[in-house]
Amino acid sequence: MQYLIYNRREKLDHQFESRLVIYLHFNQLEHLNHQDSSFVIATHVEHIVGIGVIYTNDFHPSNHYFYIHVFDSFQRKGIGSKILKILESMQGITTLQCLINSKNTIANRFLLNHHFYLARKTSDFELNTLPKKTMLYTTKSVNKLSHCELKKIKRIFYFNYLDHHESVNPLNPKLDQNTFFESIEKTLDLDKSEVLVRTQPNMNDSGSQAVIAYIFFGDSVEQSLEVAYVGGEFQAEVNEYCHFFCSVMNIYLNKNNTLYFESDNTDFYMNNLVKYLNIKPCQQYNTYIKKV
């Protein structure tokens, strides 16, 4: 068995690339085909029988994301352990992070046996129906917010995102509220995304309006719509926010067959929405981390 480190960023080997791409495609691993990835490749008689892929994420640069795959007939021969050892020894690697389907008992056991710890659980959900609520809310489309209102929502969203990821993969400190939102908004449908508006009394008794919570929608595929992010200003008011989230979700569920979203157990607001809806996941994943 031979092991080769192949770094696409340093040198692109077109002959070797074709073999690697075929391996990824054959094993349904195209999602790992990142242009800036590095690979540890195990070969036997010039055939690729296993790979380890490692890459970084500009949003969360403190961790190196990785995945190991060994061809079925070559499993349980120590190849995965050898690939992992090489990945850990690569220059600049301090923290490894891996996402695994919770039903993949072999992979989960492998990581635990190699001293990874379970850092986060993620669940996928699909909704076809929602409880009908009669409560009415004052809302605004994100695209129709004033400059001050948008500034506040950016701040709330930014600090909620910071809190959500701090214990697992902290946000890049170079991203401030504005640059963070500019990067995220490319993935959002701001026409559909809504914020909750509350009227606050003032000395003139006319009241002023303040934005206090948000529900952001993402991709729309055929008759399915993604609920990308939910959150609010005060955790103590999460029950009211959940009513608001459902009110908006009901509107779009009437226009789409399915709403889908994911919830991390480190995400306070999405977790509480799941509890409020009392729904079960269709898929679950585990995030493992190891300090090298």
Protein backbone atom coordinates (compact mmCIF):
# COMPACT_ATOMS: atom_id res chain seq x y z
CA MET A 1 0.00 0.00 0.00
CA GLN A 2 1.33 3.43 -0.93
CA TYR A 3 0.23 6.80 0.45
CA LEU A 4 0.55 10.08 -1.42
CA ILE A 5 -0.16 13.66 -0.32
CA TYR A 6 -1.70 15.60 -3.19
CA ASN A 7 -2.21 19.35 -2.75
CA ARG A 8 -4.22 20.96 -5.52
CA ARG A 9 -3.21 24.45 -4.43
CA GLU A 10 0.49 23.74 -4.97
CA LYS A 11 0.43 21.69 -8.15
CA LEU A 12 -2.36 20.38 -10.34
CA ASP A 13 -1.56 16.97 -11.83
CA HIS A 14 -4.02 16.56 -14.71
CA GLN A 15 -3.31 12.86 -15.19
CA PHE A 16 -3.82 12.13 -11.52
CA GLU A 17 -6.83 14.47 -11.36
CA SER A 18 -8.86 12.28 -13.70
CA ARG A 19 -8.32 9.21 -11.50
CA LEU A 20 -9.25 11.16 -8.39
CA VAL A 21 -12.39 12.67 -9.91
CA ILE A 22 -13.51 9.23 -11.12
CA TYR A 23 -13.01 7.80 -7.61
CA LEU A 24 -15.02 10.62 -6.05
CA HIS A 25 -17.81 10.23 -8.60
CA PHE A 26 -17.95 6.43 -8.36
CA ASN A 27 -18.25 6.60 -4.56
CA GLN A 28 -20.76 9.49 -4.62
CA LEU A 29 -18.29 11.89 -3.02
CA GLU A 30 -18.51 14.77 -5.52
CA HIS A 31 -19.31 17.16 -2.66
CA LEU A 32 -15.70 16.72 -1.51
CA ASN A 33 -14.28 17.85 -4.84
CA HIS A 34 -13.11 21.28 -3.62
CA GLN A 35 -10.58 23.11 -5.77
CA ASP A 36 -8.44 24.15 -2.79
CA SER A 37 -8.49 20.75 -1.07
CA SER A 38 -5.52 18.63 -0.12
CA PHE A 39 -5.75 14.85 -0.35
CA VAL A 40 -4.06 11.85 1.21
CA ILE A 41 -4.48 9.08 -1.32
CA ALA A 42 -3.96 5.37 -0.69
CA THR A 43 -3.13 3.32 -3.78
CA HIS A 44 -2.79 -0.41 -4.39
CA VAL A 45 -1.35 -1.62 -7.70
CA GLU A 46 -1.83 1.93 -9.05
CA HIS A 47 -5.53 1.94 -8.14
CA ILE A 48 -6.97 4.43 -5.63
CA VAL A 49 -8.47 2.46 -2.75
CA GLY A 50 -8.90 5.21 -0.17
CA ILE A 51 -8.70 8.96 0.29
CA GLY A 52 -8.57 11.57 2.99
CA VAL A 53 -9.60 15.08 1.99
CA ILE A 54 -8.89 18.18 4.05
CA TYR A 55 -9.92 21.79 3.43
CA THR A 56 -10.71 25.05 5.21
CA ASN A 57 -13.74 27.32 5.36
CA ASP A 58 -13.26 31.10 5.15
CA PHE A 59 -16.15 31.61 7.58
CA HIS A 60 -14.66 29.27 10.18
CA PRO A 61 -10.90 29.15 9.53
CA SER A 62 -9.79 27.86 12.94
CA ASN A 63 -10.74 24.25 12.10
CA HIS A 64 -9.68 22.02 9.22
CA TYR A 65 -12.58 20.04 7.79
CA PHE A 66 -11.83 16.51 6.66
CA TYR A 67 -13.37 13.29 5.44
CA ILE A 68 -11.96 9.79 5.00
CA HIS A 69 -13.27 7.16 2.61
CA VAL A 70 -11.89 3.68 2.00
CA PHE A 71 -13.16 1.41 -0.77
CA ASP A 72 -15.37 -1.36 0.66
CA SER A 73 -13.10 -4.31 -0.11
CA PHE A 74 -10.12 -2.56 1.53
CA GLN A 75 -11.80 -1.59 4.79
CA ARG A 76 -10.67 -2.95 8.18
CA LYS A 77 -7.05 -3.10 7.01
CA GLY A 78 -5.81 -0.02 8.89
CA ILE A 79 -5.94 2.22 5.81
CA GLY A 80 -8.30 4.77 7.37
CA SER A 81 -6.14 5.01 10.49
CA LYS A 82 -3.02 5.53 8.38
CA ILE A 83 -4.71 8.25 6.31
CA LEU A 84 -5.87 10.00 9.49
CA LYS A 85 -2.37 9.87 10.96
CA ILE A 86 -0.96 11.53 7.83
CA LEU A 87 -3.68 14.20 7.89
CA GLU A 88 -2.88 14.99 11.52
CA SER A 89 0.81 15.37 10.72
CA MET A 90 0.30 17.85 7.88
CA GLN A 91 1.73 21.33 8.42
CA GLY A 92 -0.58 23.88 10.01
CA ILE A 93 -3.17 21.38 11.25
CA THR A 94 -4.27 22.14 14.82
CA THR A 95 -7.94 21.17 14.91
CA LEU A 96 -9.78 18.61 12.78
CA GLN A 97 -13.55 18.64 12.27
CA CYS A 98 -15.73 16.03 10.59
CA LEU A 99 -19.48 15.69 9.93
CA ILE A 100 -20.85 12.13 9.91
CA ASN A 101 -24.33 10.68 9.46
CA SER A 102 -25.45 9.48 12.88
CA LYS A 103 -26.52 6.13 11.38
CA ASN A 104 -22.99 5.42 10.14
CA THR A 105 -21.98 3.44 13.22
CA ILE A 106 -18.61 2.36 11.79
CA ALA A 107 -17.48 5.93 11.07
CA ASN A 108 -18.78 7.24 14.41
CA ARG A 109 -16.94 4.48 16.27
CA PHE A 110 -13.78 5.08 14.23
CA LEU A 111 -13.64 8.75 15.23
CA LEU A 112 -14.35 8.07 18.89
CA ASN A 113 -11.65 5.38 18.93
CA HIS A 114 -9.21 7.96 17.55
CA HIS A 115 -9.95 10.40 20.39
CA PHE A 116 -12.39 12.73 18.65
CA TYR A 117 -15.18 14.15 20.77
CA LEU A 118 -18.80 14.78 19.79
CA ALA A 119 -19.11 18.56 19.54
CA ARG A 120 -22.51 19.08 17.94
CA LYS A 121 -25.60 17.29 16.68
CA THR A 122 -27.44 18.46 13.57
CA SER A 123 -30.91 17.43 12.43
CA ASP A 124 -32.67 17.88 9.09
CA PHE A 125 -36.40 18.57 9.05
CA GLU A 126 -39.13 18.74 6.44
CA LEU A 127 -42.54 20.31 7.01
CA ASN A 128 -45.68 19.75 4.99
CA THR A 129 -48.15 21.11 7.53
CA LEU A 130 -48.04 23.58 10.40
CA PRO A 131 -50.45 24.44 13.20
CA LYS A 132 -52.69 27.29 12.10
CA LYS A 133 -52.24 30.29 14.37
CA THR A 134 -54.69 33.18 14.57
CA MET A 135 -52.24 35.64 16.13
CA LEU A 136 -51.43 38.63 13.96
CA TYR A 137 -48.01 40.25 13.79
CA THR A 138 -46.58 43.39 12.31
CA THR A 139 -43.85 42.29 9.94
CA LYS A 140 -41.64 43.74 7.24
CA SER A 141 -39.78 42.23 4.33
CA VAL A 142 -36.03 42.52 4.83
CA ASN A 143 -35.78 44.30 1.49
CA LYS A 144 -38.11 47.03 2.78
CA LEU A 145 -36.30 47.83 6.02
CA SER A 146 -34.98 51.30 6.67
CA HIS A 147 -31.24 51.79 7.03
CA CYS A 148 -31.50 51.82 10.84
CA GLU A 149 -33.77 48.76 10.92
CA LEU A 150 -31.47 46.78 8.65
CA LYS A 151 -28.47 47.80 10.75
CA LYS A 152 -30.17 46.46 13.87
CA ILE A 153 -31.18 43.16 12.24
CA LYS A 154 -27.62 42.71 11.00
CA ARG A 155 -26.38 43.19 14.56
CA ILE A 156 -28.88 40.73 16.07
CA PHE A 157 -28.19 38.14 13.38
CA TYR A 158 -24.42 38.55 13.70
CA PHE A 159 -24.31 38.05 17.46
CA ASN A 160 -26.73 35.11 17.32
CA TYR A 161 -24.51 33.47 14.70
CA LEU A 162 -21.43 34.14 16.85
CA ASP A 163 -23.09 32.52 19.85
CA HIS A 164 -24.33 29.55 17.81
CA HIS A 165 -20.85 28.65 16.51
CA GLU A 166 -18.54 29.78 19.30
CA SER A 167 -18.22 26.39 21.02
CA VAL A 168 -17.61 24.40 17.83
CA ASN A 169 -16.15 26.46 14.98
CA PRO A 170 -15.85 30.19 15.81
CA LEU A 171 -16.63 32.75 13.15
CA ASN A 172 -13.71 34.39 11.36
CA PRO A 173 -12.84 37.47 13.50
CA LYS A 174 -12.09 39.42 10.32
CA LEU A 175 -15.81 39.41 9.51
CA ASP A 176 -17.75 42.27 11.07
CA GLN A 177 -21.52 42.70 11.03
CA ASN A 178 -21.55 44.21 7.54
CA THR A 179 -19.07 41.93 5.77
CA PHE A 180 -20.66 38.90 7.40
CA PHE A 181 -24.14 39.86 6.19
CA GLU A 182 -22.86 40.73 2.72
CA SER A 183 -21.47 37.20 2.43
CA ILE A 184 -24.59 35.51 3.80
CA GLU A 185 -27.18 37.51 1.88
CA LYS A 186 -26.03 35.96 -1.40
CA THR A 187 -27.62 32.73 -0.20
CA LEU A 188 -30.88 34.33 1.01
CA ASP A 189 -34.16 35.33 -0.57
CA LEU A 190 -34.57 38.75 1.02
CA ASP A 191 -37.95 39.34 -0.62
CA LYS A 192 -39.41 36.40 1.29
CA SER A 193 -37.40 36.94 4.48
CA GLU A 194 -39.33 38.76 7.20
CA VAL A 195 -38.66 40.57 10.47
CA LEU A 196 -40.95 41.02 13.45
CA VAL A 197 -41.77 44.63 14.29
CA ARG A 198 -42.86 45.76 17.74
CA THR A 199 -44.43 49.12 18.51
CA GLN A 200 -42.78 50.73 21.51
CA PRO A 201 -44.42 53.59 23.46
CA ASN A 202 -42.65 56.92 23.65
CA MET A 203 -43.24 60.28 25.27
CA ASN A 204 -45.47 61.46 22.43
CA ASP A 205 -47.76 58.42 22.82
CA SER A 206 -47.52 57.83 19.10
CA GLY A 207 -45.11 54.96 19.56
CA SER A 208 -42.06 53.93 17.59
CA GLN A 209 -41.34 50.68 15.81
CA ALA A 210 -38.43 48.37 16.54
CA VAL A 211 -37.35 45.21 14.72
CA ILE A 212 -36.80 42.38 17.20
CA ALA A 213 -36.70 39.03 15.34
CA TYR A 214 -36.07 37.58 11.89
CA ILE A 215 -36.78 34.58 9.71
CA PHE A 216 -34.54 34.29 6.65
CA PHE A 217 -35.42 32.04 3.72
CA GLY A 218 -32.86 30.52 1.39
CA ASP A 219 -33.01 28.26 -1.64
CA SER A 220 -36.23 27.42 -3.41
CA VAL A 221 -36.21 24.13 -5.32
CA GLU A 222 -39.36 23.24 -7.26
CA GLN A 223 -42.04 23.31 -4.55
CA SER A 224 -39.64 23.30 -1.58
CA LEU A 225 -38.35 26.33 0.32
CA GLU A 226 -35.48 26.46 2.80
CA VAL A 227 -35.84 28.14 6.18
CA ALA A 228 -32.23 29.27 6.50
CA TYR A 229 -32.02 31.20 9.79
CA VAL A 230 -34.31 32.26 12.61
CA GLY A 231 -33.49 34.36 15.64
CA GLY A 232 -34.34 37.29 17.83
CA GLU A 233 -33.02 39.95 20.15
CA PHE A 234 -33.92 38.44 23.52
CA GLN A 235 -33.80 34.74 24.37
CA ALA A 236 -36.43 35.27 27.09
CA GLU A 237 -38.96 36.11 24.35
CA VAL A 238 -38.34 32.98 22.31
CA ASN A 239 -41.94 31.73 22.65
CA GLU A 240 -43.30 34.87 21.03
CA TYR A 241 -40.68 34.60 18.30
CA CYS A 242 -41.70 30.99 17.61
CA HIS A 243 -45.29 32.14 17.08
CA PHE A 244 -43.98 34.72 14.63
CA PHE A 245 -41.77 32.19 12.81
CA CYS A 246 -44.73 29.84 12.36
CA SER A 247 -46.98 32.64 11.19
CA VAL A 248 -44.58 33.50 8.37
CA MET A 249 -43.83 29.85 7.60
CA ASN A 250 -47.55 29.16 7.20
CA ILE A 251 -47.77 31.83 4.52
CA TYR A 252 -45.05 30.21 2.45
CA LEU A 253 -46.19 26.67 3.15
CA ASN A 254 -49.44 27.61 1.41
CA LYS A 255 -47.34 28.49 -1.65
CA ASN A 256 -44.94 25.53 -1.44
CA ASN A 257 -45.41 21.84 -0.77
CA THR A 258 -42.53 21.61 1.69
CA LEU A 259 -40.41 23.74 3.98
CA TYR A 260 -37.06 22.32 5.01
CA PHE A 261 -34.36 23.37 7.45
CA GLU A 262 -31.59 22.09 9.67
CA SER A 263 -31.13 22.62 13.38
CA ASP A 264 -27.92 22.36 15.39
CA ASN A 265 -28.22 21.61 19.09
CA THR A 266 -26.03 24.69 19.64
CA ASP A 267 -28.56 26.97 17.88
CA PHE A 268 -30.84 28.33 20.61
CA TYR A 269 -33.60 29.71 18.40
CA MET A 270 -33.81 26.90 15.85
CA ASN A 271 -33.77 24.36 18.68
CA ASN A 272 -36.67 26.06 20.38
CA LEU A 273 -38.59 26.23 17.11
CA VAL A 274 -38.18 22.45 16.75
CA LYS A 275 -39.50 21.94 20.29
CA TYR A 276 -42.38 24.30 19.60
CA LEU A 277 -43.32 22.37 16.45
CA ASN A 278 -42.81 19.00 18.18
CA ILE A 279 -41.43 17.39 15.03
CA LYS A 280 -38.99 14.56 14.38
CA PRO A 281 -35.94 14.80 12.10
CA CYS A 282 -35.64 12.99 8.80
CA GLN A 283 -31.82 12.84 9.08
CA GLN A 284 -29.29 13.41 11.86
CA TYR A 285 -25.57 14.14 11.76
CA ASN A 286 -22.75 14.31 14.29
CA THR A 287 -19.89 16.79 14.26
CA TYR A 288 -16.65 15.47 15.73
CA ILE A 289 -13.60 17.53 16.67
CA LYS A 290 -10.06 16.70 17.70
CA LYS A 291 -7.26 18.98 18.84
CA VAL A 292 -4.10 17.69 17.17
